[in-house]
């Protein structure tokens, strides 16, 4: 498995921005897909965004046009740039990875709170 560590969460006002990072324990070059999920209290975990090894991206409908996912293979790190944040974006955000060789991995999560 890959060890994933998220960082960058925190408290931000509505309309503000945050950038989340997900650092992997080894090279992410061979990781087929990486992504961000989130889970709000009382709700199911949902896909926020994903990115393939070929830099193909996919976004949840609620974040399209506001969030941008990227990966830096040289730093073994994935990012989520979140702009125009709304209170409904409040959740614990989890980093995810999958590769044929190493299977699925999850990070421990980072809290994002959008509130005035």
Protein backbone atom coordinates (compact mmCIF):
# COMPACT_ATOMS: atom_id res chain seq x y z
CA UNK A 1 0.00 0.00 0.00
CA UNK A 2 0.87 3.66 -0.37
CA UNK A 3 0.93 5.87 2.72
CA UNK A 4 -0.96 9.13 2.10
CA UNK A 5 -0.83 12.22 4.30
CA UNK A 6 -3.18 15.16 3.74
CA UNK A 7 -2.51 18.73 4.82
CA UNK A 8 -3.83 22.21 4.19
CA UNK A 9 -7.26 22.02 5.77
CA UNK A 10 -8.60 24.68 8.10
CA UNK A 11 -11.19 27.35 8.69
CA UNK A 12 -11.98 29.76 5.86
CA UNK A 13 -14.71 32.31 5.22
CA UNK A 14 -17.26 31.82 2.43
CA UNK A 15 -15.76 32.89 -0.88
CA UNK A 16 -12.26 32.11 0.29
CA UNK A 17 -9.68 29.61 -0.96
CA UNK A 18 -7.66 26.71 0.38
CA UNK A 19 -5.17 24.33 -1.17
CA UNK A 20 -5.04 20.77 0.08
CA UNK A 21 -1.98 18.59 -0.40
CA UNK A 22 -1.67 14.81 -0.36
CA UNK A 23 1.87 13.54 0.02
CA UNK A 24 2.57 9.91 -0.89
CA UNK A 25 5.18 7.68 0.73
CA UNK A 26 6.72 6.76 -2.61
CA UNK A 27 6.63 7.52 -6.28
CA UNK A 28 3.19 8.31 -7.66
CA UNK A 29 4.24 7.86 -11.28
CA UNK A 30 2.81 4.35 -11.42
CA UNK A 31 -0.37 5.20 -9.50
CA UNK A 32 -3.24 4.80 -11.93
CA UNK A 33 -5.64 7.17 -10.26
CA UNK A 34 -5.62 9.56 -7.33
CA UNK A 35 -8.48 11.54 -5.96
CA UNK A 36 -10.18 13.51 -3.23
CA UNK A 37 -13.32 12.46 -1.43
CA UNK A 38 -15.18 14.29 1.30
CA UNK A 39 -17.62 13.38 4.01
CA UNK A 40 -19.83 15.81 5.87
CA UNK A 41 -21.54 14.90 9.16
CA UNK A 42 -24.50 12.64 8.54
CA UNK A 43 -23.74 12.27 4.84
CA UNK A 44 -22.11 9.63 2.68
CA UNK A 45 -18.58 10.02 1.42
CA UNK A 46 -18.63 11.58 -2.05
CA UNK A 47 -16.13 12.04 -4.85
CA UNK A 48 -14.78 15.56 -5.14
CA UNK A 49 -12.24 15.10 -7.92
CA UNK A 50 -9.93 12.53 -9.43
CA UNK A 51 -6.89 12.52 -11.71
CA UNK A 52 -5.35 9.71 -13.71
CA UNK A 53 -1.71 8.97 -14.45
CA UNK A 54 -2.31 10.60 -17.83
CA UNK A 55 -3.65 13.75 -16.13
CA UNK A 56 -7.25 13.07 -17.08
CA UNK A 57 -9.53 14.73 -14.54
CA UNK A 58 -13.05 14.26 -13.26
CA UNK A 59 -15.03 16.47 -10.88
CA UNK A 60 -18.14 16.17 -8.81
CA UNK A 61 -20.96 18.38 -10.10
CA UNK A 62 -21.00 20.54 -6.97
CA UNK A 63 -17.36 21.61 -7.35
CA UNK A 64 -16.98 22.00 -11.12
CA UNK A 65 -15.53 25.38 -12.02
CA UNK A 66 -14.41 26.05 -8.44
CA UNK A 67 -11.95 23.25 -7.60
CA UNK A 68 -8.87 22.12 -9.52
CA UNK A 69 -7.03 18.85 -8.98
CA UNK A 70 -3.41 18.37 -9.99
CA UNK A 71 -0.47 16.07 -9.31
CA UNK A 72 3.28 16.69 -9.21
CA UNK A 73 5.08 13.44 -9.92
CA UNK A 74 8.46 14.98 -9.03
CA UNK A 75 7.20 15.74 -5.51
CA UNK A 76 4.99 12.63 -5.17
CA UNK A 77 2.17 14.94 -4.21
CA UNK A 78 -1.39 15.62 -5.33
CA UNK A 79 -3.18 18.91 -4.78
CA UNK A 80 -6.71 20.26 -4.62
CA UNK A 81 -7.08 23.98 -5.17
CA UNK A 82 -10.43 25.07 -3.77
CA UNK A 83 -11.77 28.50 -4.70
CA UNK A 84 -15.08 30.24 -4.04
CA UNK A 85 -15.68 28.04 -1.03
CA UNK A 86 -19.20 27.64 0.29
CA UNK A 87 -20.49 26.51 3.69
CA UNK A 88 -21.70 23.29 2.05
CA UNK A 89 -18.08 22.44 1.22
CA UNK A 90 -17.50 21.88 4.93
CA UNK A 91 -16.38 18.28 5.40
CA UNK A 92 -13.47 16.01 6.13
CA UNK A 93 -11.47 15.64 2.92
CA UNK A 94 -9.73 12.34 2.20
CA UNK A 95 -6.98 11.56 -0.26
CA UNK A 96 -7.25 8.32 -2.24
CA UNK A 97 -5.01 6.38 -4.57
CA UNK A 98 -5.25 3.20 -6.60
CA UNK A 99 -2.70 1.28 -8.58
CA UNK A 100 -2.75 -2.24 -9.97
CA UNK A 101 0.51 -3.05 -8.18
CA UNK A 102 -0.23 -1.53 -4.77
CA UNK A 103 -4.02 -1.55 -4.49
CA UNK A 104 -6.11 1.13 -2.81
CA UNK A 105 -4.99 3.53 -0.10
CA UNK A 106 -6.65 6.27 1.93
CA UNK A 107 -5.28 9.15 3.93
CA UNK A 108 -6.40 10.00 7.46
CA UNK A 109 -8.41 13.04 6.36
CA UNK A 110 -8.19 16.79 6.87
CA UNK A 111 -11.00 19.02 8.11
CA UNK A 112 -12.21 21.89 5.95
CA UNK A 113 -14.65 24.30 7.58
CA UNK A 114 -16.24 27.15 5.62
CA UNK A 115 -17.92 29.60 7.96
CA UNK A 116 -18.15 33.28 8.70
